[in-house]
Amino acid sequence: MYIIAIAWGFVVILMAAAEAMSTSVTAGLLTLLFYGVLPLALVLYLMGTPQRRRNQIKQELAEQQQATENTTASPSENS
């Protein structure tokens, strides 16, 4: 997934450089922003959603398991 994002970023940087040299620096910066930064941020965020969800579920299960271990350990400590 990241190799595609890196390649797209490289292409966009070249496009922005060509745009900046031919017309204006502002056009180059806007090209970099609208063809590179914003789309890549959106795609990487959306592609990372399943992993974030798995991590959240894993953390909730670990907290739940720790809570059950603490409640089962407490009565044995009192005896």
PDB file of N, CA and C in Angstrom:
ATOM      1  N   MET A   1       0.827  -1.185   0.000  1.00  0.00           N
ATOM      2  CA  MET A   1       0.000   0.000   0.000  1.00  0.00           C
ATOM      3  C   MET A   1       0.877   1.256   0.000  1.00  0.00           C
ATOM      4  N   TYR A   2       1.937   1.248   0.797  1.00  0.00           N
ATOM      5  CA  TYR A   2       2.765   2.449   0.899  1.00  0.00           C
ATOM      6  C   TYR A   2       3.606   2.680  -0.351  1.00  0.00           C
ATOM      7  N   ILE A   3       3.960   1.610  -1.049  1.00  0.00           N
ATOM      8  CA  ILE A   3       4.767   1.786  -2.258  1.00  0.00           C
ATOM      9  C   ILE A   3       3.986   2.565  -3.320  1.00  0.00           C
ATOM     10  N   ILE A   4       2.697   2.341  -3.397  1.00  0.00           N
ATOM     11  CA  ILE A   4       1.866   3.075  -4.355  1.00  0.00           C
ATOM     12  C   ILE A   4       1.774   4.541  -3.949  1.00  0.00           C
ATOM     13  N   ALA A   5       1.630   4.791  -2.658  1.00  0.00           N
ATOM     14  CA  ALA A   5       1.564   6.175  -2.173  1.00  0.00           C
ATOM     15  C   ALA A   5       2.885   6.900  -2.426  1.00  0.00           C
ATOM     16  N   ILE A   6       3.997   6.207  -2.232  1.00  0.00           N
ATOM     17  CA  ILE A   6       5.305   6.824  -2.481  1.00  0.00           C
ATOM     18  C   ILE A   6       5.467   7.132  -3.967  1.00  0.00           C
ATOM     19  N   ALA A   7       5.067   6.184  -4.814  1.00  0.00           N
ATOM     20  CA  ALA A   7       5.171   6.408  -6.260  1.00  0.00           C
ATOM     21  C   ALA A   7       4.277   7.563  -6.698  1.00  0.00           C
ATOM     22  N   TRP A   8       3.063   7.605  -6.173  1.00  0.00           N
ATOM     23  CA  TRP A   8       2.153   8.704  -6.524  1.00  0.00           C
ATOM     24  C   TRP A   8       2.729  10.038  -6.047  1.00  0.00           C
ATOM     25  N   GLY A   9       3.298  10.054  -4.860  1.00  0.00           N
ATOM     26  CA  GLY A   9       3.917  11.273  -4.358  1.00  0.00           C
ATOM     27  C   GLY A   9       5.064  11.735  -5.247  1.00  0.00           C
ATOM     28  N   PHE A  10       5.857  10.782  -5.739  1.00  0.00           N
ATOM     29  CA  PHE A  10       6.961  11.119  -6.645  1.00  0.00           C
ATOM     30  C   PHE A  10       6.437  11.741  -7.932  1.00  0.00           C
ATOM     31  N   VAL A  11       5.406  11.141  -8.502  1.00  0.00           N
ATOM     32  CA  VAL A  11       4.815  11.662  -9.741  1.00  0.00           C
ATOM     33  C   VAL A  11       4.257  13.063  -9.510  1.00  0.00           C
ATOM     34  N   VAL A  12       3.595  13.265  -8.396  1.00  0.00           N
ATOM     35  CA  VAL A  12       3.008  14.575  -8.114  1.00  0.00           C
ATOM     36  C   VAL A  12       4.092  15.623  -7.894  1.00  0.00           C
ATOM     37  N   ILE A  13       5.168  15.250  -7.252  1.00  0.00           N
ATOM     38  CA  ILE A  13       6.276  16.202  -7.057  1.00  0.00           C
ATOM     39  C   ILE A  13       6.849  16.615  -8.411  1.00  0.00           C
ATOM     40  N   LEU A  14       7.001  15.652  -9.312  1.00  0.00           N
ATOM     41  CA  LEU A  14       7.497  16.000 -10.645  1.00  0.00           C
ATOM     42  C   LEU A  14       6.500  16.884 -11.391  1.00  0.00           C
ATOM     43  N   MET A  15       5.213  16.580 -11.265  1.00  0.00           N
ATOM     44  CA  MET A  15       4.197  17.424 -11.899  1.00  0.00           C
ATOM     45  C   MET A  15       4.248  18.842 -11.331  1.00  0.00           C
ATOM     46  N   ALA A  16       4.361  18.955 -10.023  1.00  0.00           N
ATOM     47  CA  ALA A  16       4.391  20.274  -9.387  1.00  0.00           C
ATOM     48  C   ALA A  16       5.641  21.048  -9.793  1.00  0.00           C
ATOM     49  N   ALA A  17       6.770  20.347  -9.897  1.00  0.00           N
ATOM     50  CA  ALA A  17       7.998  21.026 -10.316  1.00  0.00           C
ATOM     51  C   ALA A  17       7.871  21.532 -11.749  1.00  0.00           C
ATOM     52  N   ALA A  18       7.322  20.714 -12.633  1.00  0.00           N
ATOM     53  CA  ALA A  18       7.139  21.138 -14.020  1.00  0.00           C
ATOM     54  C   ALA A  18       6.166  22.317 -14.102  1.00  0.00           C
ATOM     55  N   GLU A  19       5.112  22.255 -13.317  1.00  0.00           N
ATOM     56  CA  GLU A  19       4.126  23.344 -13.299  1.00  0.00           C
ATOM     57  C   GLU A  19       4.756  24.627 -12.754  1.00  0.00           C
ATOM     58  N   ALA A  20       5.583  24.507 -11.724  1.00  0.00           N
ATOM     59  CA  ALA A  20       6.209  25.682 -11.126  1.00  0.00           C
ATOM     60  C   ALA A  20       7.210  26.324 -12.076  1.00  0.00           C
ATOM     61  N   MET A  21       7.898  25.495 -12.859  1.00  0.00           N
ATOM     62  CA  MET A  21       8.900  26.048 -13.786  1.00  0.00           C
ATOM     63  C   MET A  21       8.264  26.651 -15.037  1.00  0.00           C
ATOM     64  N   SER A  22       7.101  26.114 -15.432  1.00  0.00           N
ATOM     65  CA  SER A  22       6.516  26.598 -16.683  1.00  0.00           C
ATOM     66  C   SER A  22       5.577  27.788 -16.480  1.00  0.00           C
ATOM     67  N   THR A  23       4.729  27.770 -15.466  1.00  0.00           N
ATOM     68  CA  THR A  23       3.769  28.867 -15.294  1.00  0.00           C
ATOM     69  C   THR A  23       4.094  29.714 -14.081  1.00  0.00           C
ATOM     70  N   SER A  24       3.820  29.197 -12.884  1.00  0.00           N
ATOM     71  CA  SER A  24       4.111  29.980 -11.678  1.00  0.00           C
ATOM     72  C   SER A  24       4.316  29.041 -10.496  1.00  0.00           C
ATOM     73  N   VAL A  25       4.949  29.562  -9.484  1.00  0.00           N
ATOM     74  CA  VAL A  25       5.196  28.779  -8.273  1.00  0.00           C
ATOM     75  C   VAL A  25       3.877  28.472  -7.573  1.00  0.00           C
ATOM     76  N   THR A  26       2.951  29.402  -7.617  1.00  0.00           N
ATOM     77  CA  THR A  26       1.646  29.182  -6.993  1.00  0.00           C
ATOM     78  C   THR A  26       0.927  28.000  -7.628  1.00  0.00           C
ATOM     79  N   ALA A  27       0.997  27.901  -8.943  1.00  0.00           N
ATOM     80  CA  ALA A  27       0.371  26.772  -9.636  1.00  0.00           C
ATOM     81  C   ALA A  27       1.040  25.468  -9.232  1.00  0.00           C
ATOM     82  N   GLY A  28       2.342  25.491  -9.064  1.00  0.00           N
ATOM     83  CA  GLY A  28       3.057  24.298  -8.621  1.00  0.00           C
ATOM     84  C   GLY A  28       2.652  23.875  -7.216  1.00  0.00           C
ATOM     85  N   LEU A  29       2.516  24.841  -6.324  1.00  0.00           N
ATOM     86  CA  LEU A  29       2.104  24.521  -4.954  1.00  0.00           C
ATOM     87  C   LEU A  29       0.669  24.001  -4.896  1.00  0.00           C
ATOM     88  N   LEU A  30      -0.201  24.603  -5.688  1.00  0.00           N
ATOM     89  CA  LEU A  30      -1.585  24.131  -5.730  1.00  0.00           C
ATOM     90  C   LEU A  30      -1.675  22.723  -6.333  1.00  0.00           C
ATOM     91  N   THR A  31      -0.850  22.465  -7.345  1.00  0.00           N
ATOM     92  CA  THR A  31      -0.803  21.116  -7.914  1.00  0.00           C
ATOM     93  C   THR A  31      -0.350  20.121  -6.861  1.00  0.00           C
ATOM     94  N   LEU A  32       0.677  20.467  -6.132  1.00  0.00           N
ATOM     95  CA  LEU A  32       1.174  19.587  -5.071  1.00  0.00           C
ATOM     96  C   LEU A  32       0.107  19.345  -4.008  1.00  0.00           C
ATOM     97  N   LEU A  33      -0.608  20.388  -3.651  1.00  0.00           N
ATOM     98  CA  LEU A  33      -1.629  20.267  -2.619  1.00  0.00           C
ATOM     99  C   LEU A  33      -2.825  19.441  -3.095  1.00  0.00           C
ATOM    100  N   PHE A  34      -3.388  19.801  -4.250  1.00  0.00           N
ATOM    101  CA  PHE A  34      -4.641  19.184  -4.692  1.00  0.00           C
ATOM    102  C   PHE A  34      -4.470  17.840  -5.397  1.00  0.00           C
ATOM    103  N   TYR A  35      -3.298  17.584  -5.975  1.00  0.00           N
ATOM    104  CA  TYR A  35      -3.058  16.281  -6.605  1.00  0.00           C
ATOM    105  C   TYR A  35      -2.266  15.342  -5.710  1.00  0.00           C
ATOM    106  N   GLY A  36      -1.616  15.888  -4.696  1.00  0.00           N
ATOM    107  CA  GLY A  36      -0.750  15.055  -3.886  1.00  0.00           C
ATOM    108  C   GLY A  36      -1.156  14.923  -2.442  1.00  0.00           C
ATOM    109  N   VAL A  37      -1.068  15.997  -1.709  1.00  0.00           N
ATOM    110  CA  VAL A  37      -1.232  15.932  -0.252  1.00  0.00           C
ATOM    111  C   VAL A  37      -2.653  15.532   0.145  1.00  0.00           C
ATOM    112  N   LEU A  38      -3.633  16.220  -0.367  1.00  0.00           N
ATOM    113  CA  LEU A  38      -5.019  15.924   0.035  1.00  0.00           C
ATOM    114  C   LEU A  38      -5.482  14.532  -0.397  1.00  0.00           C
ATOM    115  N   PRO A  39      -5.300  14.123  -1.653  1.00  0.00           N
ATOM    116  CA  PRO A  39      -5.735  12.769  -2.021  1.00  0.00           C
ATOM    117  C   PRO A  39      -4.979  11.676  -1.273  1.00  0.00           C
ATOM    118  N   LEU A  40      -3.671  11.848  -1.101  1.00  0.00           N
ATOM    119  CA  LEU A  40      -2.903  10.831  -0.381  1.00  0.00           C
ATOM    120  C   LEU A  40      -3.328  10.736   1.080  1.00  0.00           C
ATOM    121  N   ALA A  41      -3.587  11.862   1.701  1.00  0.00           N
ATOM    122  CA  ALA A  41      -4.027  11.834   3.101  1.00  0.00           C
ATOM    123  C   ALA A  41      -5.358  11.103   3.218  1.00  0.00           C
ATOM    124  N   LEU A  42      -6.274  11.375   2.313  1.00  0.00           N
ATOM    125  CA  LEU A  42      -7.580  10.718   2.341  1.00  0.00           C
ATOM    126  C   LEU A  42      -7.457   9.216   2.095  1.00  0.00           C
ATOM    127  N   VAL A  43      -6.713   8.832   1.085  1.00  0.00           N
ATOM    128  CA  VAL A  43      -6.579   7.410   0.750  1.00  0.00           C
ATOM    129  C   VAL A  43      -5.869   6.653   1.866  1.00  0.00           C
ATOM    130  N   LEU A  44      -4.798   7.202   2.393  1.00  0.00           N
ATOM    131  CA  LEU A  44      -4.075   6.510   3.466  1.00  0.00           C
ATOM    132  C   LEU A  44      -4.926   6.405   4.728  1.00  0.00           C
ATOM    133  N   TYR A  45      -5.722   7.413   5.013  1.00  0.00           N
ATOM    134  CA  TYR A  45      -6.615   7.348   6.164  1.00  0.00           C
ATOM    135  C   TYR A  45      -7.664   6.259   5.972  1.00  0.00           C
ATOM    136  N   LEU A  46      -8.276   6.223   4.802  1.00  0.00           N
ATOM    137  CA  LEU A  46      -9.307   5.219   4.542  1.00  0.00           C
ATOM    138  C   LEU A  46      -8.732   3.812   4.501  1.00  0.00           C
ATOM    139  N   MET A  47      -7.546   3.652   3.942  1.00  0.00           N
ATOM    140  CA  MET A  47      -6.937   2.327   3.870  1.00  0.00           C
ATOM    141  C   MET A  47      -6.457   1.856   5.241  1.00  0.00           C
ATOM    142  N   GLY A  48      -6.205   2.763   6.157  1.00  0.00           N
ATOM    143  CA  GLY A  48      -5.759   2.394   7.498  1.00  0.00           C
ATOM    144  C   GLY A  48      -6.888   2.108   8.465  1.00  0.00           C
ATOM    145  N   THR A  49      -8.135   2.350   8.051  1.00  0.00           N
ATOM    146  CA  THR A  49      -9.285   2.156   8.935  1.00  0.00           C
ATOM    147  C   THR A  49      -9.413   0.720   9.445  1.00  0.00           C
ATOM    148  N   PRO A  50      -9.294  -0.310   8.611  1.00  0.00           N
ATOM    149  CA  PRO A  50      -9.409  -1.677   9.145  1.00  0.00           C
ATOM    150  C   PRO A  50      -8.355  -1.996  10.208  1.00  0.00           C
ATOM    151  N   GLN A  51      -7.136  -1.529  10.019  1.00  0.00           N
ATOM    152  CA  GLN A  51      -6.089  -1.793  11.004  1.00  0.00           C
ATOM    153  C   GLN A  51      -6.376  -1.062  12.308  1.00  0.00           C
ATOM    154  N   ARG A  52      -6.853   0.169  12.229  1.00  0.00           N
ATOM    155  CA  ARG A  52      -7.205   0.897  13.451  1.00  0.00           C
ATOM    156  C   ARG A  52      -8.336   0.192  14.181  1.00  0.00           C
ATOM    157  N   ARG A  53      -9.295  -0.339  13.440  1.00  0.00           N
ATOM    158  CA  ARG A  53     -10.422  -1.059  14.037  1.00  0.00           C
ATOM    159  C   ARG A  53      -9.930  -2.333  14.732  1.00  0.00           C
ATOM    160  N   ARG A  54      -9.032  -3.067  14.068  1.00  0.00           N
ATOM    161  CA  ARG A  54      -8.477  -4.287  14.683  1.00  0.00           C
ATOM    162  C   ARG A  54      -7.704  -3.957  15.947  1.00  0.00           C
ATOM    163  N   ASN A  55      -6.926  -2.887  15.909  1.00  0.00           N
ATOM    164  CA  ASN A  55      -6.170  -2.485  17.096  1.00  0.00           C
ATOM    165  C   ASN A  55      -7.091  -2.097  18.243  1.00  0.00           C
ATOM    166  N   GLN A  56      -8.184  -1.409  17.938  1.00  0.00           N
ATOM    167  CA  GLN A  56      -9.135  -1.005  18.972  1.00  0.00           C
ATOM    168  C   GLN A  56      -9.796  -2.227  19.593  1.00  0.00           C
ATOM    169  N   ILE A  57     -10.200  -3.191  18.778  1.00  0.00           N
ATOM    170  CA  ILE A  57     -10.829  -4.409  19.299  1.00  0.00           C
ATOM    171  C   ILE A  57      -9.837  -5.189  20.146  1.00  0.00           C
ATOM    172  N   LYS A  58      -8.586  -5.271  19.689  1.00  0.00           N
ATOM    173  CA  LYS A  58      -7.561  -5.982  20.437  1.00  0.00           C
ATOM    174  C   LYS A  58      -7.320  -5.329  21.801  1.00  0.00           C
ATOM    175  N   GLN A  59      -7.305  -3.995  21.831  1.00  0.00           N
ATOM    176  CA  GLN A  59      -7.101  -3.274  23.081  1.00  0.00           C
ATOM    177  C   GLN A  59      -8.289  -3.479  24.024  1.00  0.00           C
ATOM    178  N   GLU A  60      -9.508  -3.443  23.489  1.00  0.00           N
ATOM    179  CA  GLU A  60     -10.690  -3.655  24.327  1.00  0.00           C
ATOM    180  C   GLU A  60     -10.705  -5.061  24.904  1.00  0.00           C
ATOM    181  N   LEU A  61     -10.321  -6.058  24.115  1.00  0.00           N
ATOM    182  CA  LEU A  61     -10.265  -7.426  24.615  1.00  0.00           C
ATOM    183  C   LEU A  61      -9.205  -7.579  25.705  1.00  0.00           C
ATOM    184  N   ALA A  62      -8.063  -6.924  25.519  1.00  0.00           N
ATOM    185  CA  ALA A  62      -7.015  -6.986  26.533  1.00  0.00           C
ATOM    186  C   ALA A  62      -7.468  -6.329  27.836  1.00  0.00           C
ATOM    187  N   GLU A  63      -8.157  -5.188  27.731  1.00  0.00           N
ATOM    188  CA  GLU A  63      -8.661  -4.525  28.939  1.00  0.00           C
ATOM    189  C   GLU A  63      -9.726  -5.374  29.624  1.00  0.00           C
ATOM    190  N   GLN A  64     -10.587  -5.999  28.831  1.00  0.00           N
ATOM    191  CA  GLN A  64     -11.628  -6.857  29.402  1.00  0.00           C
ATOM    192  C   GLN A  64     -11.009  -8.082  30.072  1.00  0.00           C
ATOM    193  N   GLN A  65     -10.008  -8.658  29.435  1.00  0.00           N
ATOM    194  CA  GLN A  65      -9.338  -9.821  30.025  1.00  0.00           C
ATOM    195  C   GLN A  65      -8.621  -9.434  31.311  1.00  0.00           C
ATOM    196  N   GLN A  66      -7.995  -8.279  31.331  1.00  0.00           N
ATOM    197  CA  GLN A  66      -7.316  -7.811  32.533  1.00  0.00           C
ATOM    198  C   GLN A  66      -8.315  -7.551  33.650  1.00  0.00           C
ATOM    199  N   ALA A  67      -9.481  -7.018  33.312  1.00  0.00           N
ATOM    200  CA  ALA A  67     -10.503  -6.752  34.316  1.00  0.00           C
ATOM    201  C   ALA A  67     -11.027  -8.065  34.908  1.00  0.00           C
ATOM    202  N   THR A  68     -11.221  -9.067  34.068  1.00  0.00           N
ATOM    203  CA  THR A  68     -11.704 -10.360  34.590  1.00  0.00           C
ATOM    204  C   THR A  68     -10.637 -11.042  35.424  1.00  0.00           C
ATOM    205  N   GLU A  69      -9.379 -10.883  35.063  1.00  0.00           N
ATOM    206  CA  GLU A  69      -8.297 -11.458  35.873  1.00  0.00           C
ATOM    207  C   GLU A  69      -8.220 -10.773  37.235  1.00  0.00           C
ATOM    208  N   ASN A  70      -8.431  -9.477  37.259  1.00  0.00           N
ATOM    209  CA  ASN A  70      -8.378  -8.743  38.523  1.00  0.00           C
ATOM    210  C   ASN A  70      -9.543  -9.126  39.430  1.00  0.00           C
ATOM    211  N   THR A  71     -10.721  -9.340  38.859  1.00  0.00           N
ATOM    212  CA  THR A  71     -11.871  -9.695  39.687  1.00  0.00           C
ATOM    213  C   THR A  71     -11.763 -11.125  40.183  1.00  0.00           C
ATOM    214  N   THR A  72     -11.188 -12.014  39.400  1.00  0.00           N
ATOM    215  CA  THR A  72     -11.023 -13.386  39.865  1.00  0.00           C
ATOM    216  C   THR A  72      -9.874 -13.512  40.842  1.00  0.00           C
ATOM    217  N   ALA A  73      -8.881 -12.657  40.753  1.00  0.00           N
ATOM    218  CA  ALA A  73      -7.736 -12.707  41.653  1.00  0.00           C
ATOM    219  C   ALA A  73      -8.067 -12.080  43.014  1.00  0.00           C
ATOM    220  N   SER A  74      -8.951 -11.146  43.062  1.00  0.00           N
ATOM    221  CA  SER A  74      -9.255 -10.447  44.297  1.00  0.00           C
ATOM    222  C   SER A  74      -9.815 -11.358  45.378  1.00  0.00           C
ATOM    223  N   PRO A  75     -10.811 -12.225  45.128  1.00  0.00           N
ATOM    224  CA  PRO A  75     -11.325 -13.072  46.206  1.00  0.00           C
ATOM    225  C   PRO A  75     -10.264 -14.042  46.738  1.00  0.00           C
ATOM    226  N   SER A  76      -9.394 -14.531  45.911  1.00  0.00           N
ATOM    227  CA  SER A  76      -8.378 -15.476  46.396  1.00  0.00           C
ATOM    228  C   SER A  76      -7.347 -14.785  47.275  1.00  0.00           C
ATOM    229  N   GLU A  77      -7.095 -13.505  47.044  1.00  0.00           N
ATOM    230  CA  GLU A  77      -6.159 -12.769  47.878  1.00  0.00           C
ATOM    231  C   GLU A  77      -6.743 -12.524  49.275  1.00  0.00           C
ATOM    232  N   ASN A  78      -8.058 -12.378  49.377  1.00  0.00           N
ATOM    233  CA  ASN A  78      -8.699 -12.119  50.658  1.00  0.00           C
ATOM    234  C   ASN A  78      -8.771 -13.363  51.539  1.00  0.00           C
ATOM    235  N   SER A  79      -8.761 -14.543  50.973  1.00  0.00           N
ATOM    236  CA  SER A  79      -8.897 -15.781  51.748  1.00  0.00           C
ATOM    237  C   SER A  79      -7.642 -16.163  52.457  1.00  0.00           C
TER     238      SER A  79
END
